[in-house]
């Protein structure tokens, strides 16, 4: 007597779960595509670059090892190099950020 009841409840639960899954999948497919990029830093440059700002420019954490900093610097510099249509000012800021993250900071700051 209880076996048909348990079987019926199981079938009903599977049917409801399937219905819910189909509705969730259709809602997921109907969503507009969104870019999966990190949001860019919207502030301007500070007069004297800090380690936090340098990490934001390179897209790394402040505690990132030197080899990862060099790799991030290369990627950002390739995208913003003056020979490839980038800005000299941004290239100098990227280089300054790498120097600060690697502990080679200069007292004079940026060339601009």
PDB file of N, CA and C in Angstrom:
ATOM      1  N   UNK A   1       0.822  -1.196   0.000  1.00  0.00           N
ATOM      2  CA  UNK A   1       0.000   0.000   0.000  1.00  0.00           C
ATOM      3  C   UNK A   1       0.866   1.260   0.000  1.00  0.00           C
ATOM      4  N   UNK A   2       1.923   1.235   0.778  1.00  0.00           N
ATOM      5  CA  UNK A   2       2.760   2.438   0.839  1.00  0.00           C
ATOM      6  C   UNK A   2       3.706   2.525  -0.351  1.00  0.00           C
ATOM      7  N   UNK A   3       4.011   1.418  -0.984  1.00  0.00           N
ATOM      8  CA  UNK A   3       4.935   1.437  -2.116  1.00  0.00           C
ATOM      9  C   UNK A   3       4.374   2.250  -3.288  1.00  0.00           C
ATOM     10  N   UNK A   4       3.120   2.087  -3.684  1.00  0.00           N
ATOM     11  CA  UNK A   4       2.582   2.920  -4.774  1.00  0.00           C
ATOM     12  C   UNK A   4       2.547   4.403  -4.389  1.00  0.00           C
ATOM     13  N   UNK A   5       2.299   4.688  -3.122  1.00  0.00           N
ATOM     14  CA  UNK A   5       2.273   6.078  -2.665  1.00  0.00           C
ATOM     15  C   UNK A   5       3.656   6.702  -2.775  1.00  0.00           C
ATOM     16  N   UNK A   6       4.680   5.993  -2.355  1.00  0.00           N
ATOM     17  CA  UNK A   6       6.063   6.497  -2.444  1.00  0.00           C
ATOM     18  C   UNK A   6       6.475   6.651  -3.910  1.00  0.00           C
ATOM     19  N   UNK A   7       6.101   5.683  -4.737  1.00  0.00           N
ATOM     20  CA  UNK A   7       6.428   5.760  -6.160  1.00  0.00           C
ATOM     21  C   UNK A   7       5.739   6.952  -6.808  1.00  0.00           C
ATOM     22  N   UNK A   8       4.490   7.182  -6.470  1.00  0.00           N
ATOM     23  CA  UNK A   8       3.745   8.320  -7.022  1.00  0.00           C
ATOM     24  C   UNK A   8       4.343   9.650  -6.602  1.00  0.00           C
ATOM     25  N   UNK A   9       4.731   9.754  -5.332  1.00  0.00           N
ATOM     26  CA  UNK A   9       5.368  10.991  -4.857  1.00  0.00           C
ATOM     27  C   UNK A   9       6.722  11.208  -5.523  1.00  0.00           C
ATOM     28  N   UNK A  10       7.439  10.125  -5.756  1.00  0.00           N
ATOM     29  CA  UNK A  10       8.745  10.226  -6.431  1.00  0.00           C
ATOM     30  C   UNK A  10       8.581  10.708  -7.864  1.00  0.00           C
ATOM     31  N   UNK A  11       7.605  10.151  -8.572  1.00  0.00           N
ATOM     32  CA  UNK A  11       7.356  10.571  -9.953  1.00  0.00           C
ATOM     33  C   UNK A  11       6.937  12.037  -9.991  1.00  0.00           C
ATOM     34  N   UNK A  12       6.100  12.454  -9.063  1.00  0.00           N
ATOM     35  CA  UNK A  12       5.663  13.849  -9.011  1.00  0.00           C
ATOM     36  C   UNK A  12       6.835  14.774  -8.713  1.00  0.00           C
ATOM     37  N   UNK A  13       7.706  14.380  -7.807  1.00  0.00           N
ATOM     38  CA  UNK A  13       8.870  15.200  -7.478  1.00  0.00           C
ATOM     39  C   UNK A  13       9.808  15.326  -8.671  1.00  0.00           C
ATOM     40  N   UNK A  14      10.028  14.237  -9.392  1.00  0.00           N
ATOM     41  CA  UNK A  14      10.886  14.271 -10.582  1.00  0.00           C
ATOM     42  C   UNK A  14      10.262  15.152 -11.657  1.00  0.00           C
ATOM     43  N   UNK A  15       8.957  15.066 -11.834  1.00  0.00           N
ATOM     44  CA  UNK A  15       8.271  15.885 -12.834  1.00  0.00           C
ATOM     45  C   UNK A  15       8.379  17.368 -12.490  1.00  0.00           C
ATOM     46  N   UNK A  16       8.182  17.718 -11.228  1.00  0.00           N
ATOM     47  CA  UNK A  16       8.293  19.121 -10.821  1.00  0.00           C
ATOM     48  C   UNK A  16       9.728  19.627 -10.960  1.00  0.00           C
ATOM     49  N   UNK A  17      10.693  18.795 -10.615  1.00  0.00           N
ATOM     50  CA  UNK A  17      12.093  19.193 -10.757  1.00  0.00           C
ATOM     51  C   UNK A  17      12.447  19.387 -12.226  1.00  0.00           C
ATOM     52  N   UNK A  18      11.958  18.509 -13.092  1.00  0.00           N
ATOM     53  CA  UNK A  18      12.193  18.658 -14.525  1.00  0.00           C
ATOM     54  C   UNK A  18      11.560  19.913 -15.079  1.00  0.00           C
ATOM     55  N   UNK A  19      10.337  20.202 -14.651  1.00  0.00           N
ATOM     56  CA  UNK A  19       9.646  21.415 -15.093  1.00  0.00           C
ATOM     57  C   UNK A  19      10.417  22.655 -14.658  1.00  0.00           C
ATOM     58  N   UNK A  20      10.851  22.657 -13.419  1.00  0.00           N
ATOM     59  CA  UNK A  20      11.621  23.791 -12.908  1.00  0.00           C
ATOM     60  C   UNK A  20      12.936  23.940 -13.665  1.00  0.00           C
ATOM     61  N   UNK A  21      13.596  22.841 -13.958  1.00  0.00           N
ATOM     62  CA  UNK A  21      14.867  22.882 -14.693  1.00  0.00           C
ATOM     63  C   UNK A  21      14.676  23.453 -16.093  1.00  0.00           C
ATOM     64  N   UNK A  22      13.623  23.051 -16.768  1.00  0.00           N
ATOM     65  CA  UNK A  22      13.353  23.558 -18.115  1.00  0.00           C
ATOM     66  C   UNK A  22      13.070  25.056 -18.066  1.00  0.00           C
ATOM     67  N   UNK A  23      12.284  25.503 -17.100  1.00  0.00           N
ATOM     68  CA  UNK A  23      11.998  26.934 -16.974  1.00  0.00           C
ATOM     69  C   UNK A  23      13.258  27.725 -16.660  1.00  0.00           C
ATOM     70  N   UNK A  24      14.106  27.203 -15.796  1.00  0.00           N
ATOM     71  CA  UNK A  24      15.347  27.897 -15.450  1.00  0.00           C
ATOM     72  C   UNK A  24      16.272  27.965 -16.658  1.00  0.00           C
ATOM     73  N   UNK A  25      16.351  26.891 -17.442  1.00  0.00           N
ATOM     74  CA  UNK A  25      17.207  26.883 -18.632  1.00  0.00           C
ATOM     75  C   UNK A  25      16.701  27.887 -19.674  1.00  0.00           C
ATOM     76  N   UNK A  26      15.398  27.966 -19.867  1.00  0.00           N
ATOM     77  CA  UNK A  26      14.844  28.921 -20.825  1.00  0.00           C
ATOM     78  C   UNK A  26      15.085  30.362 -20.364  1.00  0.00           C
ATOM     79  N   UNK A  27      14.977  30.613 -19.080  1.00  0.00           N
ATOM     80  CA  UNK A  27      15.255  31.949 -18.555  1.00  0.00           C
ATOM     81  C   UNK A  27      16.729  32.290 -18.710  1.00  0.00           C
ATOM     82  N   UNK A  28      17.593  31.316 -18.525  1.00  0.00           N
ATOM     83  CA  UNK A  28      19.033  31.525 -18.687  1.00  0.00           C
ATOM     84  C   UNK A  28      19.370  31.849 -20.140  1.00  0.00           C
ATOM     85  N   UNK A  29      18.778  31.124 -21.082  1.00  0.00           N
ATOM     86  CA  UNK A  29      19.040  31.365 -22.496  1.00  0.00           C
ATOM     87  C   UNK A  29      18.486  32.706 -22.959  1.00  0.00           C
ATOM     88  N   UNK A  30      17.411  33.197 -22.330  1.00  0.00           N
ATOM     89  CA  UNK A  30      16.778  34.450 -22.739  1.00  0.00           C
ATOM     90  C   UNK A  30      17.525  35.681 -22.228  1.00  0.00           C
ATOM     91  N   UNK A  31      18.465  35.486 -21.280  1.00  0.00           N
ATOM     92  CA  UNK A  31      19.218  36.626 -20.754  1.00  0.00           C
ATOM     93  C   UNK A  31      20.065  37.236 -21.855  1.00  0.00           C
ATOM     94  N   UNK A  32      20.206  38.569 -21.835  1.00  0.00           N
ATOM     95  CA  UNK A  32      21.124  39.172 -22.813  1.00  0.00           C
ATOM     96  C   UNK A  32      22.566  38.849 -22.438  1.00  0.00           C
ATOM     97  N   UNK A  33      23.424  38.665 -23.420  1.00  0.00           N
ATOM     98  CA  UNK A  33      24.824  38.341 -23.107  1.00  0.00           C
ATOM     99  C   UNK A  33      25.514  39.525 -22.439  1.00  0.00           C
ATOM    100  N   UNK A  34      26.311  39.233 -21.448  1.00  0.00           N
ATOM    101  CA  UNK A  34      27.056  40.277 -20.755  1.00  0.00           C
ATOM    102  C   UNK A  34      28.537  39.986 -20.899  1.00  0.00           C
ATOM    103  N   UNK A  35      29.307  41.045 -20.959  1.00  0.00           N
ATOM    104  CA  UNK A  35      30.755  40.887 -21.039  1.00  0.00           C
ATOM    105  C   UNK A  35      31.269  40.406 -19.697  1.00  0.00           C
ATOM    106  N   UNK A  36      32.196  39.491 -19.727  1.00  0.00           N
ATOM    107  CA  UNK A  36      32.759  38.965 -18.488  1.00  0.00           C
ATOM    108  C   UNK A  36      34.112  39.593 -18.236  1.00  0.00           C
ATOM    109  N   UNK A  37      34.131  40.918 -18.195  1.00  0.00           N
ATOM    110  CA  UNK A  37      35.358  41.643 -17.930  1.00  0.00           C
ATOM    111  C   UNK A  37      35.274  42.305 -16.569  1.00  0.00           C
ATOM    112  N   UNK A  38      36.440  42.516 -16.011  1.00  0.00           N
ATOM    113  CA  UNK A  38      36.462  43.280 -14.776  1.00  0.00           C
ATOM    114  C   UNK A  38      36.222  44.736 -15.106  1.00  0.00           C
ATOM    115  N   UNK A  39      35.635  45.443 -14.180  1.00  0.00           N
ATOM    116  CA  UNK A  39      35.398  46.854 -14.375  1.00  0.00           C
ATOM    117  C   UNK A  39      36.713  47.607 -14.236  1.00  0.00           C
ATOM    118  N   UNK A  40      36.916  48.578 -15.108  1.00  0.00           N
ATOM    119  CA  UNK A  40      38.143  49.342 -15.068  1.00  0.00           C
ATOM    120  C   UNK A  40      38.114  50.356 -13.943  1.00  0.00           C
ATOM    121  N   UNK A  41      39.275  50.730 -13.495  1.00  0.00           N
ATOM    122  CA  UNK A  41      39.436  51.734 -12.463  1.00  0.00           C
ATOM    123  C   UNK A  41      39.036  53.080 -13.043  1.00  0.00           C
ATOM    124  N   UNK A  42      38.086  53.773 -12.431  1.00  0.00           N
ATOM    125  CA  UNK A  42      37.534  54.991 -13.000  1.00  0.00           C
ATOM    126  C   UNK A  42      38.200  56.267 -12.490  1.00  0.00           C
ATOM    127  N   UNK A  43      39.115  56.159 -11.564  1.00  0.00           N
ATOM    128  CA  UNK A  43      39.737  57.356 -11.029  1.00  0.00           C
ATOM    129  C   UNK A  43      40.914  57.816 -11.857  1.00  0.00           C
ATOM    130  N   UNK A  44      41.395  59.022 -11.589  1.00  0.00           N
ATOM    131  CA  UNK A  44      42.577  59.526 -12.251  1.00  0.00           C
ATOM    132  C   UNK A  44      43.821  59.067 -11.504  1.00  0.00           C
ATOM    133  N   UNK A  45      44.975  59.505 -11.984  1.00  0.00           N
ATOM    134  CA  UNK A  45      46.227  59.139 -11.335  1.00  0.00           C
ATOM    135  C   UNK A  45      46.479  60.048 -10.140  1.00  0.00           C
ATOM    136  N   UNK A  46      47.082  59.497  -9.095  1.00  0.00           N
ATOM    137  CA  UNK A  46      47.453  60.284  -7.927  1.00  0.00           C
ATOM    138  C   UNK A  46      48.774  60.990  -8.210  1.00  0.00           C
ATOM    139  N   UNK A  47      49.058  62.113  -7.503  1.00  0.00           N
ATOM    140  CA  UNK A  47      50.312  62.836  -7.757  1.00  0.00           C
ATOM    141  C   UNK A  47      51.546  61.962  -7.552  1.00  0.00           C
ATOM    142  N   UNK A  48      51.571  61.163  -6.501  1.00  0.00           N
ATOM    143  CA  UNK A  48      52.661  60.228  -6.268  1.00  0.00           C
ATOM    144  C   UNK A  48      52.044  58.839  -6.226  1.00  0.00           C
ATOM    145  N   UNK A  49      52.493  57.967  -7.119  1.00  0.00           N
ATOM    146  CA  UNK A  49      51.882  56.643  -7.248  1.00  0.00           C
ATOM    147  C   UNK A  49      52.140  55.795  -6.005  1.00  0.00           C
ATOM    148  N   UNK A  50      51.083  55.174  -5.526  1.00  0.00           N
ATOM    149  CA  UNK A  50      51.179  54.267  -4.382  1.00  0.00           C
ATOM    150  C   UNK A  50      51.205  52.831  -4.889  1.00  0.00           C
ATOM    151  N   UNK A  51      51.506  51.924  -3.992  1.00  0.00           N
ATOM    152  CA  UNK A  51      51.533  50.502  -4.358  1.00  0.00           C
ATOM    153  C   UNK A  51      50.131  50.025  -4.743  1.00  0.00           C
ATOM    154  N   UNK A  52      49.122  50.551  -4.099  1.00  0.00           N
ATOM    155  CA  UNK A  52      47.739  50.187  -4.413  1.00  0.00           C
ATOM    156  C   UNK A  52      47.388  50.615  -5.835  1.00  0.00           C
ATOM    157  N   UNK A  53      47.746  51.854  -6.178  1.00  0.00           N
ATOM    158  CA  UNK A  53      47.456  52.353  -7.519  1.00  0.00           C
ATOM    159  C   UNK A  53      48.240  51.563  -8.570  1.00  0.00           C
ATOM    160  N   UNK A  54      49.484  51.228  -8.264  1.00  0.00           N
ATOM    161  CA  UNK A  54      50.298  50.443  -9.193  1.00  0.00           C
ATOM    162  C   UNK A  54      49.660  49.082  -9.436  1.00  0.00           C
ATOM    163  N   UNK A  55      49.140  48.461  -8.384  1.00  0.00           N
ATOM    164  CA  UNK A  55      48.479  47.167  -8.531  1.00  0.00           C
ATOM    165  C   UNK A  55      47.212  47.297  -9.373  1.00  0.00           C
ATOM    166  N   UNK A  56      46.473  48.391  -9.204  1.00  0.00           N
ATOM    167  CA  UNK A  56      45.273  48.604 -10.010  1.00  0.00           C
ATOM    168  C   UNK A  56      45.617  48.791 -11.485  1.00  0.00           C
ATOM    169  N   UNK A  57      46.684  49.510 -11.761  1.00  0.00           N
ATOM    170  CA  UNK A  57      47.089  49.754 -13.149  1.00  0.00           C
ATOM    171  C   UNK A  57      47.475  48.451 -13.829  1.00  0.00           C
ATOM    172  N   UNK A  58      48.222  47.619 -13.135  1.00  0.00           N
ATOM    173  CA  UNK A  58      48.681  46.359 -13.728  1.00  0.00           C
ATOM    174  C   UNK A  58      47.638  45.247 -13.647  1.00  0.00           C
ATOM    175  N   UNK A  59      46.607  45.436 -12.841  1.00  0.00           N
ATOM    176  CA  UNK A  59      45.563  44.423 -12.722  1.00  0.00           C
ATOM    177  C   UNK A  59      45.978  43.237 -11.884  1.00  0.00           C
ATOM    178  N   UNK A  60      46.825  43.467 -10.880  1.00  0.00           N
ATOM    179  CA  UNK A  60      47.272  42.405  -9.989  1.00  0.00           C
ATOM    180  C   UNK A  60      46.996  42.817  -8.548  1.00  0.00           C
ATOM    181  N   UNK A  61      47.243  41.912  -7.629  1.00  0.00           N
ATOM    182  CA  UNK A  61      47.120  42.242  -6.210  1.00  0.00           C
ATOM    183  C   UNK A  61      48.429  42.827  -5.717  1.00  0.00           C
ATOM    184  N   UNK A  62      48.366  43.501  -4.585  1.00  0.00           N
ATOM    185  CA  UNK A  62      49.568  44.122  -4.030  1.00  0.00           C
ATOM    186  C   UNK A  62      50.598  43.085  -3.595  1.00  0.00           C
ATOM    187  N   UNK A  63      50.170  41.881  -3.302  1.00  0.00           N
ATOM    188  CA  UNK A  63      51.074  40.844  -2.819  1.00  0.00           C
ATOM    189  C   UNK A  63      51.508  39.872  -3.922  1.00  0.00           C
ATOM    190  N   UNK A  64      51.367  40.268  -5.170  1.00  0.00           N
ATOM    191  CA  UNK A  64      51.701  39.395  -6.294  1.00  0.00           C
ATOM    192  C   UNK A  64      53.215  39.217  -6.409  1.00  0.00           C
ATOM    193  N   UNK A  65      53.689  38.008  -6.710  1.00  0.00           N
ATOM    194  CA  UNK A  65      55.131  37.783  -6.881  1.00  0.00           C
ATOM    195  C   UNK A  65      55.683  38.532  -8.101  1.00  0.00           C
ATOM    196  N   UNK A  66      57.002  38.718  -8.109  1.00  0.00           N
ATOM    197  CA  UNK A  66      57.657  39.530  -9.138  1.00  0.00           C
ATOM    198  C   UNK A  66      57.451  38.975 -10.543  1.00  0.00           C
ATOM    199  N   UNK A  67      57.471  37.664 -10.716  1.00  0.00           N
ATOM    200  CA  UNK A  67      57.309  37.112 -12.062  1.00  0.00           C
ATOM    201  C   UNK A  67      55.914  37.374 -12.616  1.00  0.00           C
ATOM    202  N   UNK A  68      54.896  37.341 -11.762  1.00  0.00           N
ATOM    203  CA  UNK A  68      53.530  37.641 -12.201  1.00  0.00           C
ATOM    204  C   UNK A  68      53.378  39.133 -12.504  1.00  0.00           C
ATOM    205  N   UNK A  69      54.102  39.980 -11.755  1.00  0.00           N
ATOM    206  CA  UNK A  69      54.067  41.423 -12.022  1.00  0.00           C
ATOM    207  C   UNK A  69      54.668  41.691 -13.394  1.00  0.00           C
ATOM    208  N   UNK A  70      55.778  41.049 -13.709  1.00  0.00           N
ATOM    209  CA  UNK A  70      56.418  41.237 -15.013  1.00  0.00           C
ATOM    210  C   UNK A  70      55.502  40.766 -16.145  1.00  0.00           C
ATOM    211  N   UNK A  71      54.823  39.649 -15.928  1.00  0.00           N
ATOM    212  CA  UNK A  71      53.899  39.119 -16.930  1.00  0.00           C
ATOM    213  C   UNK A  71      52.720  40.078 -17.150  1.00  0.00           C
ATOM    214  N   UNK A  72      52.162  40.596 -16.049  1.00  0.00           N
ATOM    215  CA  UNK A  72      51.050  41.548 -16.149  1.00  0.00           C
ATOM    216  C   UNK A  72      51.515  42.830 -16.827  1.00  0.00           C
ATOM    217  N   UNK A  73      52.730  43.287 -16.491  1.00  0.00           N
ATOM    218  CA  UNK A  73      53.279  44.500 -17.110  1.00  0.00           C
ATOM    219  C   UNK A  73      53.394  44.308 -18.615  1.00  0.00           C
ATOM    220  N   UNK A  74      53.865  43.156 -19.017  1.00  0.00           N
ATOM    221  CA  UNK A  74      54.029  42.898 -20.450  1.00  0.00           C
ATOM    222  C   UNK A  74      52.691  42.927 -21.169  1.00  0.00           C
ATOM    223  N   UNK A  75      51.664  42.300 -20.596  1.00  0.00           N
ATOM    224  CA  UNK A  75      50.345  42.273 -21.226  1.00  0.00           C
ATOM    225  C   UNK A  75      49.755  43.677 -21.351  1.00  0.00           C
ATOM    226  N   UNK A  76      49.866  44.467 -20.277  1.00  0.00           N
ATOM    227  CA  UNK A  76      49.308  45.811 -20.302  1.00  0.00           C
ATOM    228  C   UNK A  76      50.106  46.694 -21.254  1.00  0.00           C
ATOM    229  N   UNK A  77      51.421  46.518 -21.275  1.00  0.00           N
ATOM    230  CA  UNK A  77      52.266  47.348 -22.136  1.00  0.00           C
ATOM    231  C   UNK A  77      52.049  47.021 -23.610  1.00  0.00           C
ATOM    232  N   UNK A  78      51.832  45.754 -23.936  1.00  0.00           N
ATOM    233  CA  UNK A  78      51.556  45.392 -25.327  1.00  0.00           C
ATOM    234  C   UNK A  78      50.283  46.087 -25.802  1.00  0.00           C
ATOM    235  N   UNK A  79      49.296  46.175 -24.942  1.00  0.00           N
ATOM    236  CA  UNK A  79      48.033  46.802 -25.318  1.00  0.00           C
ATOM    237  C   UNK A  79      48.135  48.324 -25.399  1.00  0.00           C
ATOM    238  N   UNK A  80      49.093  48.938 -24.703  1.00  0.00           N
ATOM    239  CA  UNK A  80      49.167  50.396 -24.632  1.00  0.00           C
ATOM    240  C   UNK A  80      50.493  50.971 -25.112  1.00  0.00           C
ATOM    241  N   UNK A  81      51.276  50.219 -25.861  1.00  0.00           N
ATOM    242  CA  UNK A  81      52.592  50.697 -26.282  1.00  0.00           C
ATOM    243  C   UNK A  81      52.449  51.832 -27.305  1.00  0.00           C
ATOM    244  N   UNK A  82      53.274  52.876 -27.168  1.00  0.00           N
ATOM    245  CA  UNK A  82      53.178  54.008 -28.104  1.00  0.00           C
ATOM    246  C   UNK A  82      53.423  53.619 -29.561  1.00  0.00           C
ATOM    247  N   UNK A  83      54.253  52.631 -29.819  1.00  0.00           N
ATOM    248  CA  UNK A  83      54.504  52.209 -31.193  1.00  0.00           C
ATOM    249  C   UNK A  83      53.284  51.525 -31.822  1.00  0.00           C
ATOM    250  N   UNK A  84      52.372  51.063 -30.989  1.00  0.00           N
ATOM    251  CA  UNK A  84      51.165  50.404 -31.481  1.00  0.00           C
ATOM    252  C   UNK A  84      49.947  51.313 -31.352  1.00  0.00           C
ATOM    253  N   UNK A  85      50.177  52.619 -31.257  1.00  0.00           N
ATOM    254  CA  UNK A  85      49.066  53.571 -31.178  1.00  0.00           C
ATOM    255  C   UNK A  85      48.667  53.944 -29.772  1.00  0.00           C
ATOM    256  N   UNK A  86      49.419  53.527 -28.788  1.00  0.00           N
ATOM    257  CA  UNK A  86      49.109  53.871 -27.402  1.00  0.00           C
ATOM    258  C   UNK A  86      49.670  55.225 -27.016  1.00  0.00           C
ATOM    259  N   UNK A  87      49.475  55.594 -25.795  1.00  0.00           N
ATOM    260  CA  UNK A  87      49.892  56.897 -25.287  1.00  0.00           C
ATOM    261  C   UNK A  87      51.253  56.796 -24.592  1.00  0.00           C
ATOM    262  N   UNK A  88      52.101  57.802 -24.812  1.00  0.00           N
ATOM    263  CA  UNK A  88      53.391  57.858 -24.117  1.00  0.00           C
ATOM    264  C   UNK A  88      53.163  58.032 -22.610  1.00  0.00           C
ATOM    265  N   UNK A  89      52.155  58.820 -22.268  1.00  0.00           N
ATOM    266  CA  UNK A  89      51.852  59.064 -20.858  1.00  0.00           C
ATOM    267  C   UNK A  89      51.435  57.769 -20.158  1.00  0.00           C
ATOM    268  N   UNK A  90      50.528  57.022 -20.786  1.00  0.00           N
ATOM    269  CA  UNK A  90      50.096  55.759 -20.176  1.00  0.00           C
ATOM    270  C   UNK A  90      51.243  54.763 -20.096  1.00  0.00           C
ATOM    271  N   UNK A  91      52.090  54.734 -21.107  1.00  0.00           N
ATOM    272  CA  UNK A  91      53.237  53.820 -21.074  1.00  0.00           C
ATOM    273  C   UNK A  91      54.161  54.171 -19.922  1.00  0.00           C
ATOM    274  N   UNK A  92      54.370  55.461 -19.668  1.00  0.00           N
ATOM    275  CA  UNK A  92      55.233  55.850 -18.551  1.00  0.00           C
ATOM    276  C   UNK A  92      54.595  55.475 -17.212  1.00  0.00           C
ATOM    277  N   UNK A  93      53.284  55.611 -17.114  1.00  0.00           N
ATOM    278  CA  UNK A  93      52.593  55.221 -15.879  1.00  0.00           C
ATOM    279  C   UNK A  93      52.645  53.707 -15.671  1.00  0.00           C
ATOM    280  N   UNK A  94      52.537  52.941 -16.735  1.00  0.00           N
ATOM    281  CA  UNK A  94      52.615  51.481 -16.634  1.00  0.00           C
ATOM    282  C   UNK A  94      54.010  51.064 -16.181  1.00  0.00           C
ATOM    283  N   UNK A  95      55.027  51.700 -16.758  1.00  0.00           N
ATOM    284  CA  UNK A  95      56.398  51.398 -16.342  1.00  0.00           C
ATOM    285  C   UNK A  95      56.646  51.813 -14.893  1.00  0.00           C
ATOM    286  N   UNK A  96      56.097  52.949 -14.497  1.00  0.00           N
ATOM    287  CA  UNK A  96      56.235  53.396 -13.108  1.00  0.00           C
ATOM    288  C   UNK A  96      55.547  52.415 -12.153  1.00  0.00           C
ATOM    289  N   UNK A  97      54.375  51.899 -12.568  1.00  0.00           N
ATOM    290  CA  UNK A  97      53.660  50.927 -11.737  1.00  0.00           C
ATOM    291  C   UNK A  97      54.488  49.655 -11.571  1.00  0.00           C
ATOM    292  N   UNK A  98      55.128  49.200 -12.658  1.00  0.00           N
ATOM    293  CA  UNK A  98      55.972  48.002 -12.570  1.00  0.00           C
ATOM    294  C   UNK A  98      57.140  48.259 -11.624  1.00  0.00           C
ATOM    295  N   UNK A  99      57.772  49.419 -11.736  1.00  0.00           N
ATOM    296  CA  UNK A  99      58.900  49.740 -10.859  1.00  0.00           C
ATOM    297  C   UNK A  99      58.488  49.758  -9.390  1.00  0.00           C
ATOM    298  N   UNK A 100      57.343  50.312  -9.110  1.00  0.00           N
ATOM    299  CA  UNK A 100      56.876  50.369  -7.718  1.00  0.00           C
ATOM    300  C   UNK A 100      56.553  48.972  -7.205  1.00  0.00           C
ATOM    301  N   UNK A 101      55.898  48.151  -8.038  1.00  0.00           N
ATOM    302  CA  UNK A 101      55.548  46.799  -7.593  1.00  0.00           C
ATOM    303  C   UNK A 101      56.792  45.936  -7.390  1.00  0.00           C
ATOM    304  N   UNK A 102      57.861  46.213  -8.148  1.00  0.00           N
ATOM    305  CA  UNK A 102      59.090  45.441  -8.001  1.00  0.00           C
ATOM    306  C   UNK A 102      60.047  46.067  -6.992  1.00  0.00           C
ATOM    307  N   UNK A 103      59.686  47.208  -6.423  1.00  0.00           N
ATOM    308  CA  UNK A 103      60.523  47.857  -5.413  1.00  0.00           C
ATOM    309  C   UNK A 103      61.641  48.691  -5.989  1.00  0.00           C
ATOM    310  N   UNK A 104      61.516  49.110  -7.236  1.00  0.00           N
ATOM    311  CA  UNK A 104      62.537  49.930  -7.871  1.00  0.00           C
ATOM    312  C   UNK A 104      62.050  51.364  -8.049  1.00  0.00           C
ATOM    313  N   UNK A 105      61.251  51.878  -7.115  1.00  0.00           N
ATOM    314  CA  UNK A 105      60.629  53.186  -7.292  1.00  0.00           C
ATOM    315  C   UNK A 105      61.666  54.299  -7.306  1.00  0.00           C
ATOM    316  N   UNK A 106      61.385  55.294  -8.119  1.00  0.00           N
ATOM    317  CA  UNK A 106      62.232  56.472  -8.230  1.00  0.00           C
ATOM    318  C   UNK A 106      61.614  57.598  -7.411  1.00  0.00           C
ATOM    319  N   UNK A 107      62.401  58.522  -6.970  1.00  0.00           N
ATOM    320  CA  UNK A 107      61.882  59.656  -6.193  1.00  0.00           C
ATOM    321  C   UNK A 107      61.233  60.702  -7.092  1.00  0.00           C
ATOM    322  N   UNK A 108      61.631  60.763  -8.367  1.00  0.00           N
ATOM    323  CA  UNK A 108      61.136  61.807  -9.237  1.00  0.00           C
ATOM    324  C   UNK A 108      59.709  61.559  -9.717  1.00  0.00           C
ATOM    325  N   UNK A 109      59.236  60.330  -9.691  1.00  0.00           N
ATOM    326  CA  UNK A 109      57.895  60.044 -10.159  1.00  0.00           C
ATOM    327  C   UNK A 109      57.820  59.930 -11.670  1.00  0.00           C
ATOM    328  N   UNK A 110      56.707  60.285 -12.254  1.00  0.00           N
ATOM    329  CA  UNK A 110      56.509  60.153 -13.682  1.00  0.00           C
ATOM    330  C   UNK A 110      57.264  61.219 -14.449  1.00  0.00           C
ATOM    331  N   UNK A 111      57.576  60.917 -15.707  1.00  0.00           N
ATOM    332  CA  UNK A 111      58.271  61.875 -16.562  1.00  0.00           C
ATOM    333  C   UNK A 111      57.340  62.996 -16.968  1.00  0.00           C
ATOM    334  N   UNK A 112      56.041  62.812 -16.812  1.00  0.00           N
ATOM    335  CA  UNK A 112      55.084  63.839 -17.214  1.00  0.00           C
ATOM    336  C   UNK A 112      54.593  64.546 -16.009  1.00  0.00           C
TER     337      UNK A 112
END
